[in-house]
Amino acid sequence: MPVWLTRLLLRARATLSRGHDHALRDELQLHLRLIEEEYADKGLTPDAARQHARREFGNATAFQEASLALLRCE
């Protein structure tokens, strides 16, 4: 494969990864907010709802990094 084509493909993958990163981050934040709202509807204070939601949701950063690693392997 010509060097210029390899570079083009690598740049395209990097661009797509960044777009995927932002979209995934937004999606994770949405789900976290929805879980927070469920706890708030049950009567928890906003701080308590946020803490419970984060505990239930898990480590969003680890999920995001694993997702990006899978994208790079494709």
C-alpha atoms as a PDB file:
ATOM      1  CA  MET A   1       0.000   0.000   0.000  1.00  0.00           C
ATOM      2  CA  PRO A   2       1.404   3.422  -0.885  1.00  0.00           C
ATOM      3  CA  VAL A   3       2.588   5.572   2.006  1.00  0.00           C
ATOM      4  CA  TRP A   4       0.204   8.398   1.128  1.00  0.00           C
ATOM      5  CA  LEU A   5      -2.766   6.025   1.258  1.00  0.00           C
ATOM      6  CA  THR A   6      -1.663   4.627   4.625  1.00  0.00           C
ATOM      7  CA  ARG A   7      -1.365   8.159   6.011  1.00  0.00           C
ATOM      8  CA  LEU A   8      -4.776   9.089   4.632  1.00  0.00           C
ATOM      9  CA  LEU A   9      -6.378   6.055   6.223  1.00  0.00           C
ATOM     10  CA  LEU A  10      -4.689   6.744   9.566  1.00  0.00           C
ATOM     11  CA  ARG A  11      -5.889  10.361   9.511  1.00  0.00           C
ATOM     12  CA  ALA A  12      -9.426   9.255   8.645  1.00  0.00           C
ATOM     13  CA  ARG A  13      -9.416   6.747  11.502  1.00  0.00           C
ATOM     14  CA  ALA A  14      -8.161   9.404  13.931  1.00  0.00           C
ATOM     15  CA  THR A  15     -10.886  11.802  12.807  1.00  0.00           C
ATOM     16  CA  LEU A  16     -13.566   9.158  13.189  1.00  0.00           C
ATOM     17  CA  SER A  17     -12.226   8.194  16.605  1.00  0.00           C
ATOM     18  CA  ARG A  18     -12.515  11.793  17.804  1.00  0.00           C
ATOM     19  CA  GLY A  19     -16.078  11.995  16.498  1.00  0.00           C
ATOM     20  CA  HIS A  20     -16.882   8.694  18.136  1.00  0.00           C
ATOM     21  CA  ASP A  21     -15.315   9.911  21.364  1.00  0.00           C
ATOM     22  CA  HIS A  22     -17.565  12.975  21.537  1.00  0.00           C
ATOM     23  CA  ALA A  23     -20.692  11.033  20.572  1.00  0.00           C
ATOM     24  CA  LEU A  24     -19.950   8.323  23.115  1.00  0.00           C
ATOM     25  CA  ARG A  25     -19.286  10.879  25.856  1.00  0.00           C
ATOM     26  CA  ASP A  26     -22.615  12.569  25.119  1.00  0.00           C
ATOM     27  CA  GLU A  27     -24.415   9.216  25.151  1.00  0.00           C
ATOM     28  CA  LEU A  28     -22.876   8.220  28.476  1.00  0.00           C
ATOM     29  CA  GLN A  29     -23.799  11.563  30.035  1.00  0.00           C
ATOM     30  CA  LEU A  30     -27.380  11.157  28.821  1.00  0.00           C
ATOM     31  CA  HIS A  31     -27.711   7.740  30.432  1.00  0.00           C
ATOM     32  CA  LEU A  32     -26.190   9.000  33.655  1.00  0.00           C
ATOM     33  CA  ARG A  33     -28.672  11.913  33.747  1.00  0.00           C
ATOM     34  CA  LEU A  34     -31.585   9.530  33.137  1.00  0.00           C
ATOM     35  CA  ILE A  35     -30.519   7.352  36.057  1.00  0.00           C
ATOM     36  CA  GLU A  36     -30.150  10.476  38.219  1.00  0.00           C
ATOM     37  CA  GLU A  37     -33.687  11.512  37.294  1.00  0.00           C
ATOM     38  CA  GLU A  38     -35.005   8.091  38.310  1.00  0.00           C
ATOM     39  CA  TYR A  39     -33.430   8.463  41.750  1.00  0.00           C
ATOM     40  CA  ALA A  40     -34.652  12.047  42.073  1.00  0.00           C
ATOM     41  CA  ASP A  41     -38.186  10.872  41.210  1.00  0.00           C
ATOM     42  CA  LYS A  42     -37.892   8.408  44.089  1.00  0.00           C
ATOM     43  CA  GLY A  43     -37.340  11.366  46.434  1.00  0.00           C
ATOM     44  CA  LEU A  44     -33.545  11.527  46.753  1.00  0.00           C
ATOM     45  CA  THR A  45     -31.828  14.894  46.936  1.00  0.00           C
ATOM     46  CA  PRO A  46     -29.958  15.949  43.784  1.00  0.00           C
ATOM     47  CA  ASP A  47     -26.585  15.132  45.385  1.00  0.00           C
ATOM     48  CA  ALA A  48     -27.737  11.725  46.599  1.00  0.00           C
ATOM     49  CA  ALA A  49     -29.341  10.965  43.228  1.00  0.00           C
ATOM     50  CA  ARG A  50     -26.086  11.857  41.464  1.00  0.00           C
ATOM     51  CA  GLN A  51     -24.036   9.655  43.801  1.00  0.00           C
ATOM     52  CA  HIS A  52     -26.374   6.689  43.426  1.00  0.00           C
ATOM     53  CA  ALA A  53     -26.481   7.104  39.649  1.00  0.00           C
ATOM     54  CA  ARG A  54     -22.694   7.172  39.375  1.00  0.00           C
ATOM     55  CA  ARG A  55     -22.406   4.109  41.577  1.00  0.00           C
ATOM     56  CA  GLU A  56     -25.006   2.228  39.522  1.00  0.00           C
ATOM     57  CA  PHE A  57     -23.631   3.342  36.171  1.00  0.00           C
ATOM     58  CA  GLY A  58     -20.037   2.438  36.912  1.00  0.00           C
ATOM     59  CA  ASN A  59     -16.831   3.854  35.536  1.00  0.00           C
ATOM     60  CA  ALA A  60     -17.793   5.792  32.397  1.00  0.00           C
ATOM     61  CA  THR A  61     -14.173   6.638  31.598  1.00  0.00           C
ATOM     62  CA  ALA A  62     -13.152   2.978  31.567  1.00  0.00           C
ATOM     63  CA  PHE A  63     -16.095   2.167  29.316  1.00  0.00           C
ATOM     64  CA  GLN A  64     -15.195   5.017  26.959  1.00  0.00           C
ATOM     65  CA  GLU A  65     -11.542   3.951  26.755  1.00  0.00           C
ATOM     66  CA  ALA A  66     -12.505   0.325  26.075  1.00  0.00           C
ATOM     67  CA  SER A  67     -14.891   1.438  23.355  1.00  0.00           C
ATOM     68  CA  LEU A  68     -12.221   3.537  21.659  1.00  0.00           C
ATOM     69  CA  ALA A  69      -9.739   0.663  21.875  1.00  0.00           C
ATOM     70  CA  LEU A  70     -12.252  -1.556  20.084  1.00  0.00           C
ATOM     71  CA  LEU A  71     -12.754   1.092  17.426  1.00  0.00           C
ATOM     72  CA  ARG A  72      -9.010   1.265  16.790  1.00  0.00           C
ATOM     73  CA  CYS A  73      -8.839  -2.509  16.314  1.00  0.00           C
ATOM     74  CA  GLU A  74     -11.450  -2.538  13.557  1.00  0.00           C
END
